[in-house]
């Protein structure tokens, strides 16, 4: 499976979080209950992975500094 990283804007991310928070209060019966459960699990896992990926990217960006006095890159952490 190809792991292609894509950006998502904050509004889309917020919309997904609102959907995730609303799903538990939707009334379901019969097979719909299991379908909604699987949807909630998938959405929660996706949001968690997106948050993790964004945090790691922020750490990578912050960890690279340029030392202009020596014309070299200094990598910290990551």
Protein backbone atom coordinates (compact mmCIF):
# COMPACT_ATOMS: atom_id res chain seq x y z
CA UNK A 1 0.00 0.00 0.00
CA UNK A 2 1.34 3.41 -0.99
CA UNK A 3 1.57 5.83 1.92
CA UNK A 4 1.02 9.15 0.20
CA UNK A 5 0.80 12.07 2.62
CA UNK A 6 -1.74 14.75 1.80
CA UNK A 7 -2.53 18.01 3.53
CA UNK A 8 -5.96 18.81 4.96
CA UNK A 9 -7.05 22.27 5.94
CA UNK A 10 -8.19 23.07 9.47
CA UNK A 11 -11.86 23.53 8.50
CA UNK A 12 -12.06 20.05 6.93
CA UNK A 13 -10.32 18.60 9.97
CA UNK A 14 -12.80 20.36 12.29
CA UNK A 15 -15.72 19.04 10.21
CA UNK A 16 -14.45 15.47 10.57
CA UNK A 17 -14.10 15.93 14.33
CA UNK A 18 -17.69 17.23 14.57
CA UNK A 19 -18.95 14.25 12.58
CA UNK A 20 -17.00 11.91 14.85
CA UNK A 21 -18.49 13.54 17.94
CA UNK A 22 -22.05 13.38 16.54
CA UNK A 23 -22.03 9.72 15.48
CA UNK A 24 -22.50 8.23 18.98
CA UNK A 25 -25.84 10.02 19.44
CA UNK A 26 -27.37 8.74 16.16
CA UNK A 27 -30.10 6.20 16.91
CA UNK A 28 -29.61 2.87 15.17
CA UNK A 29 -31.38 -0.47 15.13
CA UNK A 30 -30.44 -3.94 13.92
CA UNK A 31 -27.59 -4.18 11.40
CA UNK A 32 -27.26 -0.38 11.33
CA UNK A 33 -25.81 -0.50 14.84
CA UNK A 34 -22.82 -2.56 13.70
CA UNK A 35 -22.35 -0.46 10.57
CA UNK A 36 -22.30 2.77 12.63
CA UNK A 37 -19.88 1.17 15.09
CA UNK A 38 -17.47 0.30 12.26
CA UNK A 39 -17.80 3.79 10.80
CA UNK A 40 -17.01 5.36 14.18
CA UNK A 41 -13.98 3.12 14.68
CA UNK A 42 -12.65 3.89 11.20
CA UNK A 43 -13.21 7.63 11.53
CA UNK A 44 -11.64 7.76 15.00
CA UNK A 45 -8.58 5.85 13.82
CA UNK A 46 -8.27 8.11 10.78
CA UNK A 47 -8.49 11.28 12.87
CA UNK A 48 -5.95 9.94 15.36
CA UNK A 49 -3.52 9.10 12.55
CA UNK A 50 -4.02 12.52 10.95
CA UNK A 51 -3.30 14.25 14.25
CA UNK A 52 -0.20 12.11 14.77
CA UNK A 53 1.06 12.76 11.23
CA UNK A 54 0.54 16.52 11.61
CA UNK A 55 2.33 16.61 14.96
CA UNK A 56 5.29 14.68 13.56
CA UNK A 57 5.50 17.03 10.57
CA UNK A 58 5.48 20.07 12.88
CA UNK A 59 8.29 18.54 14.94
CA UNK A 60 10.34 17.87 11.80
CA UNK A 61 9.90 21.43 10.57
CA UNK A 62 10.82 22.91 13.96
CA UNK A 63 13.81 20.63 14.39
CA UNK A 64 15.75 21.85 11.33
CA UNK A 65 17.69 25.05 11.86
CA UNK A 66 20.20 26.79 9.61
CA UNK A 67 23.46 28.04 11.09
CA UNK A 68 24.30 30.99 8.83
CA UNK A 69 27.66 31.53 10.47
CA UNK A 70 28.92 28.13 9.28
CA UNK A 71 26.56 27.60 6.32
CA UNK A 72 25.40 24.26 7.73
CA UNK A 73 22.17 22.65 8.77
CA UNK A 74 21.70 21.70 12.40
CA UNK A 75 19.18 18.94 13.01
CA UNK A 76 17.74 18.59 16.48
CA UNK A 77 15.46 15.76 17.55
CA UNK A 78 13.23 14.01 14.98
